[in-house]
Amino acid sequence: MPDPDYVSRAVEVLKIAADALTTSAERLEPRQLERAIQLLADCRGKVVVAGVGKSGLVARKIASTLTSTGTAAVYLHPADALHGDLGIVTPMDVVVALSNSGETDELIAMLPHLKHRNVPIIAIVGGIKSTLARNADAVLDASVRHEACPLNLAPTTSTLVALAIGDALAATLIQVKGITSEDFALNHPAGRMGKRLTLKVRDLMHGGPDNPTVSPEASWMMIASTISKGGLGAVNVIDEAGRLAGIITDGDLRRSLERVKAVHLEKLTANQIMTKEPVVVSPSQLAYDALQLMENRPRQIAVLPVVDDDRTCLGLIRIHDIVRSGL
């Protein structure tokens, strides 16, 4: 059983952090914030984010967030910059420098070299009268009254505020640049969100020689044989022009057995068994949308015909294929 004092202390830390974020939002100077956003939006190169220690860890996260949301960014360690890595910075870039004190030695040592390259500097800084702030083109106040650490020493609220300001810049740039969810997905192709926004029906469908088809006059035995050979649990019924007339599934075959005596099965044709006007998808539709079509129905379906604009049959897509893709 945890000590109640420990629990209350942990809750208090969260409250201190929340209060620091609220205060930061109220303290940010609008003109400085606007200047910072404009510099980033107009950047023709990349954003170089720099910081040391805990600020360096926050800088890495900000660079990662910017990159994943459509603004190319890299992290640069100030100490490494002074030993050759400064070559990554070009006049087309913008530097975002993080320091709680604004007097971090390695960061301050970079400033003359950044000025020589005419690189704009955005400072996310606790000391707004510091050397870093005085040399920055835009100053974002990340100061806090005290750290959540009971010793008021370990960077806690200060790093949280700096990170939140970085996130605010990245999120605002999404709107300023008109980044869409499709753009976001292009940078996240391996994630579920990326797949939902990029994976198309054509990527998962069974088409060409793998598209089992029969004519409307096909016999029951021909239908059963085609479904069995195709291995997809269904067959498209197409007319002479190759247009979709209907679809027959394993379930349709079983139901036909219930309606007709076995001796009369040979007289049944695809036209009598098929589902006419079935739900269809196009190859350019998102696979996730096809999944929704299958699932969001009073009676779920497991396979959809794929057709083009003039209803020419191109193939089949199964719910199994979509689920297996990771959607």
C-alpha atoms as a PDB file:
ATOM      1  CA  MET A   1       0.000   0.000   0.000  1.00  0.00           C
ATOM      2  CA  PRO A   2       1.665   3.276  -1.099  1.00  0.00           C
ATOM      3  CA  ASP A   3       2.159   6.004   1.453  1.00  0.00           C
ATOM      4  CA  PRO A   4      -0.613   8.648   0.961  1.00  0.00           C
ATOM      5  CA  ASP A   5       2.051  11.352   1.159  1.00  0.00           C
ATOM      6  CA  TYR A   6       3.827   9.855  -1.848  1.00  0.00           C
ATOM      7  CA  VAL A   7       0.600   9.751  -3.821  1.00  0.00           C
ATOM      8  CA  SER A   8      -0.277  13.334  -2.998  1.00  0.00           C
ATOM      9  CA  ARG A   9       3.252  14.435  -3.903  1.00  0.00           C
ATOM     10  CA  ALA A  10       3.030  12.742  -7.294  1.00  0.00           C
ATOM     11  CA  VAL A  11      -0.326  14.407  -7.956  1.00  0.00           C
ATOM     12  CA  GLU A  12       1.122  17.739  -6.896  1.00  0.00           C
ATOM     13  CA  VAL A  13       3.952  17.360  -9.412  1.00  0.00           C
ATOM     14  CA  LEU A  14       1.372  16.958 -12.192  1.00  0.00           C
ATOM     15  CA  LYS A  15      -0.476  20.040 -10.993  1.00  0.00           C
ATOM     16  CA  ILE A  16       2.765  22.039 -10.947  1.00  0.00           C
ATOM     17  CA  ALA A  17       3.476  20.906 -14.510  1.00  0.00           C
ATOM     18  CA  ALA A  18      -0.026  21.818 -15.679  1.00  0.00           C
ATOM     19  CA  ASP A  19       0.239  25.241 -14.043  1.00  0.00           C
ATOM     20  CA  ALA A  20       3.610  25.830 -15.707  1.00  0.00           C
ATOM     21  CA  LEU A  21       2.132  25.113 -19.150  1.00  0.00           C
ATOM     22  CA  THR A  22      -0.807  27.429 -18.542  1.00  0.00           C
ATOM     23  CA  THR A  23       1.488  30.201 -17.339  1.00  0.00           C
ATOM     24  CA  SER A  24       3.786  29.689 -20.323  1.00  0.00           C
ATOM     25  CA  ALA A  25       0.908  30.071 -22.759  1.00  0.00           C
ATOM     26  CA  GLU A  26      -0.042  33.359 -21.119  1.00  0.00           C
ATOM     27  CA  ARG A  27       3.549  34.616 -20.965  1.00  0.00           C
ATOM     28  CA  LEU A  28       4.594  34.076 -24.583  1.00  0.00           C
ATOM     29  CA  GLU A  29       4.987  37.401 -26.353  1.00  0.00           C
ATOM     30  CA  PRO A  30       2.722  37.329 -29.461  1.00  0.00           C
ATOM     31  CA  ARG A  31       5.130  39.259 -31.702  1.00  0.00           C
ATOM     32  CA  GLN A  32       8.013  36.960 -30.818  1.00  0.00           C
ATOM     33  CA  LEU A  33       5.872  33.888 -31.395  1.00  0.00           C
ATOM     34  CA  GLU A  34       4.658  35.242 -34.726  1.00  0.00           C
ATOM     35  CA  ARG A  35       8.254  36.012 -35.730  1.00  0.00           C
ATOM     36  CA  ALA A  36       9.371  32.473 -34.851  1.00  0.00           C
ATOM     37  CA  ILE A  37       6.552  30.873 -36.830  1.00  0.00           C
ATOM     38  CA  GLN A  38       7.235  33.108 -39.830  1.00  0.00           C
ATOM     39  CA  LEU A  39      10.943  32.236 -39.810  1.00  0.00           C
ATOM     40  CA  LEU A  40      10.126  28.530 -39.757  1.00  0.00           C
ATOM     41  CA  ALA A  41       7.420  28.810 -42.410  1.00  0.00           C
ATOM     42  CA  ASP A  42       9.751  30.748 -44.738  1.00  0.00           C
ATOM     43  CA  CYS A  43      12.701  28.411 -44.179  1.00  0.00           C
ATOM     44  CA  ARG A  44      13.990  27.173 -47.547  1.00  0.00           C
ATOM     45  CA  GLY A  45      16.398  24.703 -46.014  1.00  0.00           C
ATOM     46  CA  LYS A  46      16.015  22.728 -42.815  1.00  0.00           C
ATOM     47  CA  VAL A  47      15.504  23.491 -39.161  1.00  0.00           C
ATOM     48  CA  VAL A  48      18.565  22.785 -37.010  1.00  0.00           C
ATOM     49  CA  VAL A  49      17.612  22.222 -33.364  1.00  0.00           C
ATOM     50  CA  ALA A  50      20.381  22.488 -30.776  1.00  0.00           C
ATOM     51  CA  GLY A  51      20.694  21.992 -27.041  1.00  0.00           C
ATOM     52  CA  VAL A  52      22.886  20.379 -24.381  1.00  0.00           C
ATOM     53  CA  GLY A  53      21.978  17.927 -21.618  1.00  0.00           C
ATOM     54  CA  LYS A  54      18.249  17.676 -20.890  1.00  0.00           C
ATOM     55  CA  SER A  55      17.671  20.534 -23.337  1.00  0.00           C
ATOM     56  CA  GLY A  56      19.470  18.418 -25.916  1.00  0.00           C
ATOM     57  CA  LEU A  57      17.021  15.561 -25.346  1.00  0.00           C
ATOM     58  CA  VAL A  58      14.123  17.963 -25.768  1.00  0.00           C
ATOM     59  CA  ALA A  59      15.769  19.347 -28.901  1.00  0.00           C
ATOM     60  CA  ARG A  60      15.946  15.848 -30.384  1.00  0.00           C
ATOM     61  CA  LYS A  61      12.221  15.356 -29.758  1.00  0.00           C
ATOM     62  CA  ILE A  62      11.346  18.710 -31.320  1.00  0.00           C
ATOM     63  CA  ALA A  63      13.450  17.920 -34.403  1.00  0.00           C
ATOM     64  CA  SER A  64      11.726  14.558 -34.706  1.00  0.00           C
ATOM     65  CA  THR A  65       8.257  16.085 -34.375  1.00  0.00           C
ATOM     66  CA  LEU A  66       9.011  18.782 -36.952  1.00  0.00           C
ATOM     67  CA  THR A  67      10.323  16.225 -39.436  1.00  0.00           C
ATOM     68  CA  SER A  68       7.394  13.854 -39.037  1.00  0.00           C
ATOM     69  CA  THR A  69       4.897  16.676 -39.545  1.00  0.00           C
ATOM     70  CA  GLY A  70       6.335  18.039 -42.762  1.00  0.00           C
ATOM     71  CA  THR A  71       9.153  20.390 -41.700  1.00  0.00           C
ATOM     72  CA  ALA A  72      12.604  18.897 -42.299  1.00  0.00           C
ATOM     73  CA  ALA A  73      14.690  19.181 -39.140  1.00  0.00           C
ATOM     74  CA  VAL A  74      17.853  17.735 -37.609  1.00  0.00           C
ATOM     75  CA  TYR A  75      19.384  17.769 -34.145  1.00  0.00           C
ATOM     76  CA  LEU A  76      22.874  19.265 -33.741  1.00  0.00           C
ATOM     77  CA  HIS A  77      24.901  18.875 -30.567  1.00  0.00           C
ATOM     78  CA  PRO A  78      26.668  22.220 -29.934  1.00  0.00           C
ATOM     79  CA  ALA A  79      29.904  20.543 -28.809  1.00  0.00           C
ATOM     80  CA  ASP A  80      30.048  18.454 -31.984  1.00  0.00           C
ATOM     81  CA  ALA A  81      29.187  21.552 -34.011  1.00  0.00           C
ATOM     82  CA  LEU A  82      32.381  23.219 -32.822  1.00  0.00           C
ATOM     83  CA  HIS A  83      34.409  20.238 -34.019  1.00  0.00           C
ATOM     84  CA  GLY A  84      33.196  20.026 -37.590  1.00  0.00           C
ATOM     85  CA  ASP A  85      29.471  19.286 -37.488  1.00  0.00           C
ATOM     86  CA  LEU A  86      28.715  22.979 -37.962  1.00  0.00           C
ATOM     87  CA  GLY A  87      29.117  22.189 -41.642  1.00  0.00           C
ATOM     88  CA  ILE A  88      25.567  20.872 -41.631  1.00  0.00           C
ATOM     89  CA  VAL A  89      24.243  24.417 -41.163  1.00  0.00           C
ATOM     90  CA  THR A  90      23.629  26.447 -44.341  1.00  0.00           C
ATOM     91  CA  PRO A  91      22.426  30.043 -44.862  1.00  0.00           C
ATOM     92  CA  MET A  92      19.040  28.637 -45.946  1.00  0.00           C
ATOM     93  CA  ASP A  93      18.480  27.015 -42.540  1.00  0.00           C
ATOM     94  CA  VAL A  94      16.916  28.214 -39.306  1.00  0.00           C
ATOM     95  CA  VAL A  95      18.406  27.318 -35.931  1.00  0.00           C
ATOM     96  CA  VAL A  96      16.238  26.655 -32.895  1.00  0.00           C
ATOM     97  CA  ALA A  97      18.400  26.824 -29.764  1.00  0.00           C
ATOM     98  CA  LEU A  98      17.240  25.531 -26.387  1.00  0.00           C
ATOM     99  CA  SER A  99      18.722  26.495 -23.033  1.00  0.00           C
ATOM    100  CA  ASN A 100      17.069  27.050 -19.688  1.00  0.00           C
ATOM    101  CA  SER A 101      19.684  29.530 -18.508  1.00  0.00           C
ATOM    102  CA  GLY A 102      20.506  30.933 -21.916  1.00  0.00           C
ATOM    103  CA  GLU A 103      24.177  30.818 -20.946  1.00  0.00           C
ATOM    104  CA  THR A 104      25.128  27.245 -21.907  1.00  0.00           C
ATOM    105  CA  ASP A 105      28.819  27.448 -22.844  1.00  0.00           C
ATOM    106  CA  GLU A 106      28.761  25.212 -25.911  1.00  0.00           C
ATOM    107  CA  LEU A 107      25.653  26.926 -27.263  1.00  0.00           C
ATOM    108  CA  ILE A 108      27.027  30.426 -26.706  1.00  0.00           C
ATOM    109  CA  ALA A 109      30.251  29.421 -28.459  1.00  0.00           C
ATOM    110  CA  MET A 110      28.207  28.555 -31.559  1.00  0.00           C
ATOM    111  CA  LEU A 111      26.563  31.952 -31.855  1.00  0.00           C
ATOM    112  CA  PRO A 112      29.369  33.888 -33.664  1.00  0.00           C
ATOM    113  CA  HIS A 113      29.632  31.149 -36.262  1.00  0.00           C
ATOM    114  CA  LEU A 114      25.870  31.104 -36.841  1.00  0.00           C
ATOM    115  CA  LYS A 115      25.878  34.901 -37.150  1.00  0.00           C
ATOM    116  CA  HIS A 116      28.716  34.661 -39.687  1.00  0.00           C
ATOM    117  CA  ARG A 117      26.499  32.395 -41.811  1.00  0.00           C
ATOM    118  CA  ASN A 118      23.514  34.776 -41.471  1.00  0.00           C
ATOM    119  CA  VAL A 119      21.381  31.982 -40.030  1.00  0.00           C
ATOM    120  CA  PRO A 120      18.238  33.122 -38.173  1.00  0.00           C
ATOM    121  CA  ILE A 121      18.118  31.942 -34.554  1.00  0.00           C
ATOM    122  CA  ILE A 122      15.007  31.139 -32.540  1.00  0.00           C
ATOM    123  CA  ALA A 123      15.689  30.840 -28.822  1.00  0.00           C
ATOM    124  CA  ILE A 124      13.506  28.727 -26.540  1.00  0.00           C
ATOM    125  CA  VAL A 125      14.995  29.977 -23.334  1.00  0.00           C
ATOM    126  CA  GLY A 126      14.323  30.387 -19.638  1.00  0.00           C
ATOM    127  CA  GLY A 127      16.552  33.443 -19.249  1.00  0.00           C
ATOM    128  CA  ILE A 128      14.993  36.050 -21.536  1.00  0.00           C
ATOM    129  CA  LYS A 129      17.798  38.550 -20.784  1.00  0.00           C
ATOM    130  CA  SER A 130      20.543  35.989 -21.340  1.00  0.00           C
ATOM    131  CA  THR A 131      23.280  35.979 -23.977  1.00  0.00           C
ATOM    132  CA  LEU A 132      21.332  33.531 -26.098  1.00  0.00           C
ATOM    133  CA  ALA A 133      18.191  35.641 -25.958  1.00  0.00           C
ATOM    134  CA  ARG A 134      20.072  38.832 -26.870  1.00  0.00           C
ATOM    135  CA  ASN A 135      21.530  37.160 -29.950  1.00  0.00           C
ATOM    136  CA  ALA A 136      18.314  35.538 -31.163  1.00  0.00           C
ATOM    137  CA  ASP A 137      16.003  36.779 -33.908  1.00  0.00           C
ATOM    138  CA  ALA A 138      12.978  35.486 -31.985  1.00  0.00           C
ATOM    139  CA  VAL A 139      12.818  34.749 -28.252  1.00  0.00           C
ATOM    140  CA  LEU A 140      10.250  32.333 -26.832  1.00  0.00           C
ATOM    141  CA  ASP A 141       9.991  32.597 -23.066  1.00  0.00           C
ATOM    142  CA  ALA A 142      10.209  29.122 -21.500  1.00  0.00           C
ATOM    143  CA  SER A 143      10.907  30.294 -17.961  1.00  0.00           C
ATOM    144  CA  VAL A 144       9.234  28.639 -14.970  1.00  0.00           C
ATOM    145  CA  ARG A 145       8.771  29.772 -11.371  1.00  0.00           C
ATOM    146  CA  HIS A 146      10.250  26.556 -10.012  1.00  0.00           C
ATOM    147  CA  GLU A 147      10.928  22.987 -10.995  1.00  0.00           C
ATOM    148  CA  ALA A 148       8.593  20.185  -9.966  1.00  0.00           C
ATOM    149  CA  CYS A 149      11.635  18.518  -8.432  1.00  0.00           C
ATOM    150  CA  PRO A 150      11.361  18.864  -4.609  1.00  0.00           C
ATOM    151  CA  LEU A 151      14.934  20.161  -4.598  1.00  0.00           C
ATOM    152  CA  ASN A 152      14.085  22.667  -7.358  1.00  0.00           C
ATOM    153  CA  LEU A 153      17.143  21.365  -9.211  1.00  0.00           C
ATOM    154  CA  ALA A 154      16.308  18.595 -11.703  1.00  0.00           C
ATOM    155  CA  PRO A 155      14.932  19.963 -14.991  1.00  0.00           C
ATOM    156  CA  THR A 156      11.251  18.965 -14.932  1.00  0.00           C
ATOM    157  CA  THR A 157       8.779  21.769 -15.536  1.00  0.00           C
ATOM    158  CA  SER A 158      11.387  23.701 -17.510  1.00  0.00           C
ATOM    159  CA  THR A 159      11.946  20.855 -19.976  1.00  0.00           C
ATOM    160  CA  LEU A 160       8.210  20.223 -20.191  1.00  0.00           C
ATOM    161  CA  VAL A 161       7.521  23.838 -21.124  1.00  0.00           C
ATOM    162  CA  ALA A 162      10.330  23.885 -23.698  1.00  0.00           C
ATOM    163  CA  LEU A 163       8.999  20.697 -25.253  1.00  0.00           C
ATOM    164  CA  ALA A 164       5.449  22.050 -25.320  1.00  0.00           C
ATOM    165  CA  ILE A 165       6.613  25.215 -27.074  1.00  0.00           C
ATOM    166  CA  GLY A 166       8.389  23.088 -29.670  1.00  0.00           C
ATOM    167  CA  ASP A 167       5.236  21.022 -30.171  1.00  0.00           C
ATOM    168  CA  ALA A 168       3.205  24.209 -30.510  1.00  0.00           C
ATOM    169  CA  LEU A 169       5.524  25.419 -33.284  1.00  0.00           C
ATOM    170  CA  ALA A 170       5.305  22.091 -35.115  1.00  0.00           C
ATOM    171  CA  ALA A 171       1.516  21.892 -34.802  1.00  0.00           C
ATOM    172  CA  THR A 172       1.094  25.476 -36.019  1.00  0.00           C
ATOM    173  CA  LEU A 173       3.319  24.818 -39.026  1.00  0.00           C
ATOM    174  CA  ILE A 174       1.031  21.946 -40.030  1.00  0.00           C
ATOM    175  CA  GLN A 175      -1.743  24.511 -40.495  1.00  0.00           C
ATOM    176  CA  VAL A 176       0.438  27.250 -41.965  1.00  0.00           C
ATOM    177  CA  LYS A 177       1.875  24.871 -44.587  1.00  0.00           C
ATOM    178  CA  GLY A 178      -1.446  23.195 -45.300  1.00  0.00           C
ATOM    179  CA  ILE A 179      -0.121  19.742 -44.381  1.00  0.00           C
ATOM    180  CA  THR A 180      -2.858  17.121 -44.885  1.00  0.00           C
ATOM    181  CA  SER A 181      -3.396  13.766 -43.223  1.00  0.00           C
ATOM    182  CA  GLU A 182      -2.254  12.191 -46.501  1.00  0.00           C
ATOM    183  CA  ASP A 183       1.003  14.165 -46.313  1.00  0.00           C
ATOM    184  CA  PHE A 184       1.437  13.015 -42.721  1.00  0.00           C
ATOM    185  CA  ALA A 185       0.867   9.400 -43.737  1.00  0.00           C
ATOM    186  CA  LEU A 186       3.633   9.572 -46.352  1.00  0.00           C
ATOM    187  CA  ASN A 187       6.101  10.082 -43.503  1.00  0.00           C
ATOM    188  CA  HIS A 188       4.584   7.231 -41.479  1.00  0.00           C
ATOM    189  CA  PRO A 189       4.122   4.393 -43.994  1.00  0.00           C
ATOM    190  CA  ALA A 190       4.836   1.607 -41.515  1.00  0.00           C
ATOM    191  CA  GLY A 191       2.361   2.709 -38.875  1.00  0.00           C
ATOM    192  CA  ARG A 192      -1.307   1.812 -38.798  1.00  0.00           C
ATOM    193  CA  MET A 193      -2.308   5.417 -39.465  1.00  0.00           C
ATOM    194  CA  GLY A 194       0.006   5.575 -42.463  1.00  0.00           C
ATOM    195  CA  LYS A 195      -1.406   2.369 -43.898  1.00  0.00           C
ATOM    196  CA  ARG A 196      -4.970   3.574 -43.441  1.00  0.00           C
ATOM    197  CA  LEU A 197      -4.197   6.721 -45.394  1.00  0.00           C
ATOM    198  CA  THR A 198      -2.027   5.242 -48.144  1.00  0.00           C
ATOM    199  CA  LEU A 199      -2.834   1.568 -48.747  1.00  0.00           C
ATOM    200  CA  LYS A 200      -5.209   1.259 -51.710  1.00  0.00           C
ATOM    201  CA  VAL A 201      -7.544  -1.507 -52.818  1.00  0.00           C
ATOM    202  CA  ARG A 202      -5.283  -2.125 -55.818  1.00  0.00           C
ATOM    203  CA  ASP A 203      -2.444  -2.990 -53.431  1.00  0.00           C
ATOM    204  CA  LEU A 204      -4.390  -5.884 -51.870  1.00  0.00           C
ATOM    205  CA  MET A 205      -6.889  -7.042 -54.481  1.00  0.00           C
ATOM    206  CA  HIS A 206      -6.762 -10.286 -56.433  1.00  0.00           C
ATOM    207  CA  GLY A 207      -6.826  -9.315 -60.104  1.00  0.00           C
ATOM    208  CA  GLY A 208      -5.738 -10.554 -63.519  1.00  0.00           C
ATOM    209  CA  PRO A 209      -5.318 -14.338 -63.584  1.00  0.00           C
ATOM    210  CA  ASP A 210      -6.108 -14.431 -59.847  1.00  0.00           C
ATOM    211  CA  ASN A 211      -9.574 -12.949 -60.439  1.00  0.00           C
ATOM    212  CA  PRO A 212     -11.989 -15.921 -60.650  1.00  0.00           C
ATOM    213  CA  THR A 213     -14.910 -15.235 -63.004  1.00  0.00           C
ATOM    214  CA  VAL A 214     -17.822 -17.075 -64.607  1.00  0.00           C
ATOM    215  CA  SER A 215     -20.484 -16.094 -67.115  1.00  0.00           C
ATOM    216  CA  PRO A 216     -24.158 -15.607 -66.126  1.00  0.00           C
ATOM    217  CA  GLU A 217     -24.951 -18.934 -67.884  1.00  0.00           C
ATOM    218  CA  ALA A 218     -22.345 -20.947 -65.931  1.00  0.00           C
ATOM    219  CA  SER A 219     -23.678 -24.114 -64.266  1.00  0.00           C
ATOM    220  CA  TRP A 220     -23.723 -24.798 -60.547  1.00  0.00           C
ATOM    221  CA  MET A 221     -20.872 -27.277 -60.944  1.00  0.00           C
ATOM    222  CA  MET A 222     -18.797 -24.783 -62.951  1.00  0.00           C
ATOM    223  CA  ILE A 223     -19.364 -22.145 -60.263  1.00  0.00           C
ATOM    224  CA  ALA A 224     -18.373 -24.522 -57.456  1.00  0.00           C
ATOM    225  CA  SER A 225     -15.274 -25.630 -59.352  1.00  0.00           C
ATOM    226  CA  THR A 226     -14.196 -22.023 -60.099  1.00  0.00           C
ATOM    227  CA  ILE A 227     -14.634 -20.947 -56.481  1.00  0.00           C
ATOM    228  CA  SER A 228     -12.663 -23.973 -55.312  1.00  0.00           C
ATOM    229  CA  LYS A 229      -9.800 -23.330 -57.741  1.00  0.00           C
ATOM    230  CA  GLY A 230      -9.715 -19.603 -57.032  1.00  0.00           C
ATOM    231  CA  GLY A 231      -9.443 -20.131 -53.295  1.00  0.00           C
ATOM    232  CA  LEU A 232     -11.057 -16.779 -52.485  1.00  0.00           C
ATOM    233  CA  GLY A 233     -14.451 -17.995 -51.339  1.00  0.00           C
ATOM    234  CA  ALA A 234     -16.257 -16.151 -54.133  1.00  0.00           C
ATOM    235  CA  VAL A 235     -16.441 -15.641 -57.869  1.00  0.00           C
ATOM    236  CA  ASN A 236     -17.338 -12.610 -59.978  1.00  0.00           C
ATOM    237  CA  VAL A 237     -20.038 -13.036 -62.594  1.00  0.00           C
ATOM    238  CA  ILE A 238     -19.226 -11.022 -65.726  1.00  0.00           C
ATOM    239  CA  ASP A 239     -21.009 -10.449 -69.038  1.00  0.00           C
ATOM    240  CA  GLU A 240     -19.491 -10.748 -72.512  1.00  0.00           C
ATOM    241  CA  ALA A 241     -18.053  -7.234 -72.279  1.00  0.00           C
ATOM    242  CA  GLY A 242     -16.282  -8.057 -69.013  1.00  0.00           C
ATOM    243  CA  ARG A 243     -18.612  -5.942 -66.909  1.00  0.00           C
ATOM    244  CA  LEU A 244     -19.711  -7.084 -63.497  1.00  0.00           C
ATOM    245  CA  ALA A 245     -23.155  -8.712 -63.438  1.00  0.00           C
ATOM    246  CA  GLY A 246     -23.005 -10.038 -59.883  1.00  0.00           C
ATOM    247  CA  ILE A 247     -21.079 -12.051 -57.323  1.00  0.00           C
ATOM    248  CA  ILE A 248     -21.465 -15.555 -55.930  1.00  0.00           C
ATOM    249  CA  THR A 249     -19.948 -16.591 -52.600  1.00  0.00           C
ATOM    250  CA  ASP A 250     -19.583 -19.892 -50.796  1.00  0.00           C
ATOM    251  CA  GLY A 251     -22.599 -18.867 -48.763  1.00  0.00           C
ATOM    252  CA  ASP A 252     -24.690 -18.341 -51.908  1.00  0.00           C
ATOM    253  CA  LEU A 253     -23.827 -21.881 -53.031  1.00  0.00           C
ATOM    254  CA  ARG A 254     -24.816 -23.357 -49.667  1.00  0.00           C
ATOM    255  CA  ARG A 255     -28.112 -21.482 -49.678  1.00  0.00           C
ATOM    256  CA  SER A 256     -28.857 -22.741 -53.180  1.00  0.00           C
ATOM    257  CA  LEU A 257     -28.503 -26.298 -51.858  1.00  0.00           C
ATOM    258  CA  GLU A 258     -31.150 -25.530 -49.256  1.00  0.00           C
ATOM    259  CA  ARG A 259     -33.581 -24.199 -51.871  1.00  0.00           C
ATOM    260  CA  VAL A 260     -33.133 -26.751 -54.645  1.00  0.00           C
ATOM    261  CA  LYS A 261     -33.078 -30.527 -54.618  1.00  0.00           C
ATOM    262  CA  ALA A 262     -29.731 -32.067 -55.532  1.00  0.00           C
ATOM    263  CA  VAL A 263     -31.127 -33.578 -58.729  1.00  0.00           C
ATOM    264  CA  HIS A 264     -32.008 -30.130 -60.002  1.00  0.00           C
ATOM    265  CA  LEU A 265     -28.711 -28.415 -59.193  1.00  0.00           C
ATOM    266  CA  GLU A 266     -27.374 -28.968 -62.700  1.00  0.00           C
ATOM    267  CA  LYS A 267     -30.146 -26.719 -64.015  1.00  0.00           C
ATOM    268  CA  LEU A 268     -29.130 -23.780 -61.843  1.00  0.00           C
ATOM    269  CA  THR A 269     -27.081 -21.032 -63.498  1.00  0.00           C
ATOM    270  CA  ALA A 270     -25.003 -18.203 -62.110  1.00  0.00           C
ATOM    271  CA  ASN A 271     -27.700 -15.741 -63.089  1.00  0.00           C
ATOM    272  CA  GLN A 272     -30.120 -17.485 -60.710  1.00  0.00           C
ATOM    273  CA  ILE A 273     -27.699 -17.725 -57.785  1.00  0.00           C
ATOM    274  CA  MET A 274     -25.685 -14.502 -57.894  1.00  0.00           C
ATOM    275  CA  THR A 275     -26.194 -11.371 -55.856  1.00  0.00           C
ATOM    276  CA  LYS A 276     -27.052  -8.701 -58.395  1.00  0.00           C
ATOM    277  CA  GLU A 277     -25.922  -5.104 -57.878  1.00  0.00           C
ATOM    278  CA  PRO A 278     -23.431  -6.026 -55.125  1.00  0.00           C
ATOM    279  CA  VAL A 279     -21.465  -3.474 -53.121  1.00  0.00           C
ATOM    280  CA  VAL A 280     -18.318  -2.711 -55.119  1.00  0.00           C
ATOM    281  CA  VAL A 281     -15.093  -0.737 -54.717  1.00  0.00           C
ATOM    282  CA  SER A 282     -12.670   0.868 -57.142  1.00  0.00           C
ATOM    283  CA  PRO A 283      -8.945   0.066 -57.189  1.00  0.00           C
ATOM    284  CA  SER A 284      -8.108   3.647 -56.194  1.00  0.00           C
ATOM    285  CA  GLN A 285     -10.177   3.572 -53.006  1.00  0.00           C
ATOM    286  CA  LEU A 286      -8.431   3.272 -49.661  1.00  0.00           C
ATOM    287  CA  ALA A 287      -8.314  -0.291 -48.381  1.00  0.00           C
ATOM    288  CA  TYR A 288      -9.480   1.036 -45.007  1.00  0.00           C
ATOM    289  CA  ASP A 289     -12.632   2.446 -46.639  1.00  0.00           C
ATOM    290  CA  ALA A 290     -13.273  -0.945 -48.224  1.00  0.00           C
ATOM    291  CA  LEU A 291     -12.962  -2.507 -44.776  1.00  0.00           C
ATOM    292  CA  GLN A 292     -15.557  -0.094 -43.435  1.00  0.00           C
ATOM    293  CA  LEU A 293     -17.922  -1.002 -46.272  1.00  0.00           C
ATOM    294  CA  MET A 294     -17.638  -4.654 -45.310  1.00  0.00           C
ATOM    295  CA  GLU A 295     -18.005  -4.187 -41.576  1.00  0.00           C
ATOM    296  CA  ASN A 296     -20.455  -1.301 -41.115  1.00  0.00           C
ATOM    297  CA  ARG A 297     -23.513  -3.188 -42.322  1.00  0.00           C
ATOM    298  CA  PRO A 298     -26.408  -5.019 -40.636  1.00  0.00           C
ATOM    299  CA  ARG A 299     -24.916  -8.177 -42.169  1.00  0.00           C
ATOM    300  CA  GLN A 300     -21.170  -8.131 -42.687  1.00  0.00           C
ATOM    301  CA  ILE A 301     -19.699  -9.227 -45.997  1.00  0.00           C
ATOM    302  CA  ALA A 302     -16.274 -10.752 -46.463  1.00  0.00           C
ATOM    303  CA  VAL A 303     -15.492 -10.021 -50.125  1.00  0.00           C
ATOM    304  CA  LEU A 304     -16.050  -7.153 -52.558  1.00  0.00           C
ATOM    305  CA  PRO A 305     -15.791  -7.016 -56.361  1.00  0.00           C
ATOM    306  CA  VAL A 306     -13.350  -4.419 -57.673  1.00  0.00           C
ATOM    307  CA  VAL A 307     -14.524  -2.502 -60.751  1.00  0.00           C
ATOM    308  CA  ASP A 308     -13.425   0.517 -62.772  1.00  0.00           C
ATOM    309  CA  ASP A 309     -15.553   3.513 -63.754  1.00  0.00           C
ATOM    310  CA  ASP A 310     -17.494   1.656 -66.472  1.00  0.00           C
ATOM    311  CA  ARG A 311     -18.028  -1.336 -64.139  1.00  0.00           C
ATOM    312  CA  THR A 312     -15.463  -3.534 -65.870  1.00  0.00           C
ATOM    313  CA  CYS A 313     -14.571  -6.251 -63.382  1.00  0.00           C
ATOM    314  CA  LEU A 314     -10.949  -6.032 -62.226  1.00  0.00           C
ATOM    315  CA  GLY A 315     -10.829  -8.438 -59.303  1.00  0.00           C
ATOM    316  CA  LEU A 316     -11.829  -9.246 -55.747  1.00  0.00           C
ATOM    317  CA  ILE A 317     -10.706  -7.982 -52.356  1.00  0.00           C
ATOM    318  CA  ARG A 318     -11.310  -9.945 -49.163  1.00  0.00           C
ATOM    319  CA  ILE A 319     -11.650  -8.716 -45.606  1.00  0.00           C
ATOM    320  CA  HIS A 320      -8.980 -11.274 -44.753  1.00  0.00           C
ATOM    321  CA  ASP A 321      -6.491  -9.524 -47.074  1.00  0.00           C
ATOM    322  CA  ILE A 322      -7.154  -6.141 -45.494  1.00  0.00           C
ATOM    323  CA  VAL A 323      -6.893  -7.354 -41.909  1.00  0.00           C
ATOM    324  CA  ARG A 324      -3.717  -9.271 -42.684  1.00  0.00           C
ATOM    325  CA  SER A 325      -2.141  -6.065 -44.055  1.00  0.00           C
ATOM    326  CA  GLY A 326      -2.194  -4.580 -40.557  1.00  0.00           C
ATOM    327  CA  LEU A 327      -5.132  -2.205 -40.874  1.00  0.00           C
END
